[in-house]
């Protein structure tokens, strides 16, 4: 993975995202993909303590 350079609309360099930061983000995304979904409106928040029986109760 390579570092990412972020530019603003005028072409000036805003920041550089290091490979370490990208690796951390990819690990977080594998563990909790819901955290990185772009459209967060209208969804119920998911908790880590949710188990299968609670989900079945909410569905029925």
C-alpha atoms as a PDB file:
ATOM      1  CA  UNK A   1       0.000   0.000   0.000  1.00  0.00           C
ATOM      2  CA  UNK A   2       1.291   3.474  -0.846  1.00  0.00           C
ATOM      3  CA  UNK A   3       0.774   6.790   0.912  1.00  0.00           C
ATOM      4  CA  UNK A   4      -2.124   8.934  -0.283  1.00  0.00           C
ATOM      5  CA  UNK A   5      -1.811  12.630  -1.068  1.00  0.00           C
ATOM      6  CA  UNK A   6      -4.970  14.729  -0.647  1.00  0.00           C
ATOM      7  CA  UNK A   7      -5.320  17.965  -2.620  1.00  0.00           C
ATOM      8  CA  UNK A   8      -7.926  20.729  -2.354  1.00  0.00           C
ATOM      9  CA  UNK A   9      -9.862  22.146  -5.305  1.00  0.00           C
ATOM     10  CA  UNK A  10      -7.131  24.701  -6.096  1.00  0.00           C
ATOM     11  CA  UNK A  11      -4.486  21.976  -6.353  1.00  0.00           C
ATOM     12  CA  UNK A  12      -2.676  22.649  -3.087  1.00  0.00           C
ATOM     13  CA  UNK A  13      -1.546  19.708  -0.990  1.00  0.00           C
ATOM     14  CA  UNK A  14      -3.751  19.429   2.105  1.00  0.00           C
ATOM     15  CA  UNK A  15      -2.344  16.307   3.767  1.00  0.00           C
ATOM     16  CA  UNK A  16      -0.514  13.052   3.231  1.00  0.00           C
ATOM     17  CA  UNK A  17      -2.034   9.880   4.660  1.00  0.00           C
ATOM     18  CA  UNK A  18       0.693   7.452   5.702  1.00  0.00           C
ATOM     19  CA  UNK A  19       0.725   3.734   4.995  1.00  0.00           C
ATOM     20  CA  UNK A  20       0.496   3.021   8.731  1.00  0.00           C
ATOM     21  CA  UNK A  21      -2.741   4.998   8.982  1.00  0.00           C
ATOM     22  CA  UNK A  22      -4.148   3.196   5.951  1.00  0.00           C
ATOM     23  CA  UNK A  23      -3.272  -0.195   7.440  1.00  0.00           C
ATOM     24  CA  UNK A  24      -4.990   0.710  10.722  1.00  0.00           C
ATOM     25  CA  UNK A  25      -8.075   1.884   8.840  1.00  0.00           C
ATOM     26  CA  UNK A  26      -8.248  -1.316   6.774  1.00  0.00           C
ATOM     27  CA  UNK A  27      -8.057  -3.452   9.942  1.00  0.00           C
ATOM     28  CA  UNK A  28     -10.883  -1.406  11.496  1.00  0.00           C
ATOM     29  CA  UNK A  29     -12.938  -1.798   8.345  1.00  0.00           C
ATOM     30  CA  UNK A  30     -12.555  -5.586   8.445  1.00  0.00           C
ATOM     31  CA  UNK A  31     -13.617  -5.708  12.093  1.00  0.00           C
ATOM     32  CA  UNK A  32     -16.580  -3.293  11.851  1.00  0.00           C
ATOM     33  CA  UNK A  33     -17.627  -2.596   8.245  1.00  0.00           C
ATOM     34  CA  UNK A  34     -20.819  -0.827   9.420  1.00  0.00           C
ATOM     35  CA  UNK A  35     -18.690   2.025  10.738  1.00  0.00           C
ATOM     36  CA  UNK A  36     -17.532   2.938   7.235  1.00  0.00           C
ATOM     37  CA  UNK A  37     -20.856   2.896   5.370  1.00  0.00           C
ATOM     38  CA  UNK A  38     -21.425   6.205   3.608  1.00  0.00           C
ATOM     39  CA  UNK A  39     -25.218   6.569   3.984  1.00  0.00           C
ATOM     40  CA  UNK A  40     -25.907   6.610   7.719  1.00  0.00           C
ATOM     41  CA  UNK A  41     -29.393   8.150   7.642  1.00  0.00           C
ATOM     42  CA  UNK A  42     -32.382   6.063   8.599  1.00  0.00           C
ATOM     43  CA  UNK A  43     -30.394   3.181  10.051  1.00  0.00           C
ATOM     44  CA  UNK A  44     -30.538   1.896  13.590  1.00  0.00           C
ATOM     45  CA  UNK A  45     -27.201   2.055  15.405  1.00  0.00           C
ATOM     46  CA  UNK A  46     -25.574  -1.339  15.785  1.00  0.00           C
ATOM     47  CA  UNK A  47     -24.089  -2.201  19.142  1.00  0.00           C
ATOM     48  CA  UNK A  48     -21.297  -4.681  19.738  1.00  0.00           C
ATOM     49  CA  UNK A  49     -23.343  -6.462  22.406  1.00  0.00           C
ATOM     50  CA  UNK A  50     -26.140  -7.364  19.984  1.00  0.00           C
ATOM     51  CA  UNK A  51     -26.578 -11.105  19.816  1.00  0.00           C
ATOM     52  CA  UNK A  52     -28.634 -13.360  17.600  1.00  0.00           C
ATOM     53  CA  UNK A  53     -31.643 -13.634  19.946  1.00  0.00           C
ATOM     54  CA  UNK A  54     -31.993  -9.837  20.166  1.00  0.00           C
ATOM     55  CA  UNK A  55     -31.969  -9.579  16.366  1.00  0.00           C
ATOM     56  CA  UNK A  56     -34.683 -12.247  16.068  1.00  0.00           C
ATOM     57  CA  UNK A  57     -36.860 -10.363  18.580  1.00  0.00           C
ATOM     58  CA  UNK A  58     -36.503  -7.095  16.649  1.00  0.00           C
ATOM     59  CA  UNK A  59     -37.446  -8.785  13.351  1.00  0.00           C
ATOM     60  CA  UNK A  60     -40.639 -10.442  14.657  1.00  0.00           C
END
